[in-house]
C-alpha atoms as a PDB file:
ATOM      1  CA  TRP A   1      -7.039 -22.366  -4.934  1.00  0.00           C
ATOM      2  CA  CYS A   2      -8.705 -19.138  -3.821  1.00  0.00           C
ATOM      3  CA  GLN A   3     -12.005 -20.265  -5.375  1.00  0.00           C
ATOM      4  CA  GLU A   4     -11.768 -23.572  -3.512  1.00  0.00           C
ATOM      5  CA  LYS A   5     -11.261 -21.631  -0.256  1.00  0.00           C
ATOM      6  CA  ASP A   6     -14.000 -19.161  -1.178  1.00  0.00           C
ATOM      7  CA  VAL A   7     -11.730 -16.169  -0.560  1.00  0.00           C
ATOM      8  CA  PRO A   8     -11.059 -13.287  -2.960  1.00  0.00           C
ATOM      9  CA  MET A   9      -7.651 -13.497  -4.602  1.00  0.00           C
ATOM     10  CA  ALA A  10      -7.114  -9.803  -3.863  1.00  0.00           C
ATOM     11  CA  ALA A  11      -7.477 -10.486  -0.136  1.00  0.00           C
ATOM     12  CA  VAL A  12      -4.831 -13.218  -0.253  1.00  0.00           C
ATOM     13  CA  LEU A  13      -2.509 -11.079  -2.372  1.00  0.00           C
ATOM     14  CA  PHE A  14      -2.745  -7.915  -0.263  1.00  0.00           C
ATOM     15  CA  GLN A  15      -2.472  -9.765   3.029  1.00  0.00           C
ATOM     16  CA  TYR A  16       0.373 -11.972   1.812  1.00  0.00           C
ATOM     17  CA  ILE A  17       2.353  -8.883   0.833  1.00  0.00           C
ATOM     18  CA  MET A  18       1.657  -7.230   4.208  1.00  0.00           C
ATOM     19  CA  ARG A  19       3.028 -10.314   6.004  1.00  0.00           C
ATOM     20  CA  GLN A  20       6.408 -10.020   4.263  1.00  0.00           C
ATOM     21  CA  PRO A  21       8.958  -8.279   6.505  1.00  0.00           C
ATOM     22  CA  LEU A  22      11.127  -7.131   3.578  1.00  0.00           C
ATOM     23  CA  ILE A  23       8.285  -5.281   1.846  1.00  0.00           C
ATOM     24  CA  ASP A  24       7.709  -1.799   3.252  1.00  0.00           C
ATOM     25  CA  CYS A  25       5.371  -0.407   0.623  1.00  0.00           C
ATOM     26  CA  THR A  26       3.078  -1.707  -2.075  1.00  0.00           C
ATOM     27  CA  LEU A  27       1.589   0.618  -4.661  1.00  0.00           C
ATOM     28  CA  CYS A  28      -1.725  -0.687  -5.915  1.00  0.00           C
ATOM     29  CA  GLY A  29      -2.883   2.320  -7.963  1.00  0.00           C
ATOM     30  CA  PRO A  30      -6.646   2.378  -7.503  1.00  0.00           C
ATOM     31  CA  LYS A  31      -8.535   4.094 -10.318  1.00  0.00           C
ATOM     32  CA  SER A  32     -11.376   5.338  -8.146  1.00  0.00           C
ATOM     33  CA  ARG A  33     -12.541   5.758  -4.565  1.00  0.00           C
ATOM     34  CA  ALA A  34     -14.633   2.628  -4.984  1.00  0.00           C
ATOM     35  CA  GLU A  35     -11.584   0.604  -6.022  1.00  0.00           C
ATOM     36  CA  MET A  36      -9.625   2.047  -3.098  1.00  0.00           C
ATOM     37  CA  ALA A  37     -12.409   0.963  -0.716  1.00  0.00           C
ATOM     38  CA  GLU A  38     -12.447  -2.492  -2.331  1.00  0.00           C
ATOM     39  CA  ASN A  39      -8.676  -2.786  -1.869  1.00  0.00           C
ATOM     40  CA  LEU A  40      -8.957  -1.747   1.779  1.00  0.00           C
ATOM     41  CA  ARG A  41     -11.694  -4.345   2.356  1.00  0.00           C
ATOM     42  CA  ALA A  42      -9.516  -7.023   0.762  1.00  0.00           C
ATOM     43  CA  ALA A  43      -6.512  -6.013   2.841  1.00  0.00           C
ATOM     44  CA  THR A  44      -8.415  -6.169   6.114  1.00  0.00           C
ATOM     45  CA  MET A  45     -10.991  -8.931   5.707  1.00  0.00           C
ATOM     46  CA  PRO A  46     -10.636 -12.017   7.903  1.00  0.00           C
ATOM     47  CA  LEU A  47      -9.192 -15.018   6.116  1.00  0.00           C
ATOM     48  CA  PRO A  48      -9.800 -18.680   6.987  1.00  0.00           C
ATOM     49  CA  GLU A  49      -7.751 -20.197   9.783  1.00  0.00           C
ATOM     50  CA  GLY A  50      -4.629 -21.962   8.514  1.00  0.00           C
ATOM     51  CA  ILE A  51      -4.632 -20.324   5.080  1.00  0.00           C
ATOM     52  CA  TRP A  52      -0.961 -19.299   5.250  1.00  0.00           C
ATOM     53  CA  GLU A  53       0.166 -22.808   6.177  1.00  0.00           C
ATOM     54  CA  GLU A  54      -1.849 -24.241   3.273  1.00  0.00           C
ATOM     55  CA  LEU A  55      -0.410 -21.664   0.895  1.00  0.00           C
ATOM     56  CA  ALA A  56       3.129 -22.438   2.069  1.00  0.00           C
ATOM     57  CA  ALA A  57       2.489 -26.152   1.505  1.00  0.00           C
ATOM     58  CA  LEU A  58       1.802 -25.431  -2.172  1.00  0.00           C
ATOM     59  CA  GLU A  59       5.459 -24.293  -2.476  1.00  0.00           C
ATOM     60  CA  LEU A  60       4.601 -21.648  -5.057  1.00  0.00           C
ATOM     61  CA  ASP A  61       7.700 -19.589  -4.309  1.00  0.00           C
ATOM     62  CA  ARG A  62      10.198 -22.350  -5.095  1.00  0.00           C
ATOM     63  CA  ARG A  63      12.904 -21.369  -7.527  1.00  0.00           C
ATOM     64  CA  ASP A  64      13.925 -24.700  -9.063  1.00  0.00           C
END
């Protein structure tokens, strides 16, 4: 799905987590400064309009 949207999976993951009101902290454990910078870029890069609605429509978090 991320490849179809041409967005890095890390960007969707980090930003999805940051949108969740019950999650106060996420430890990502970068191994280097370069990886930390990459994580920061992923967490702050603009994502396509409507991506969260499309993701919700996939119903990936269903528990049945």
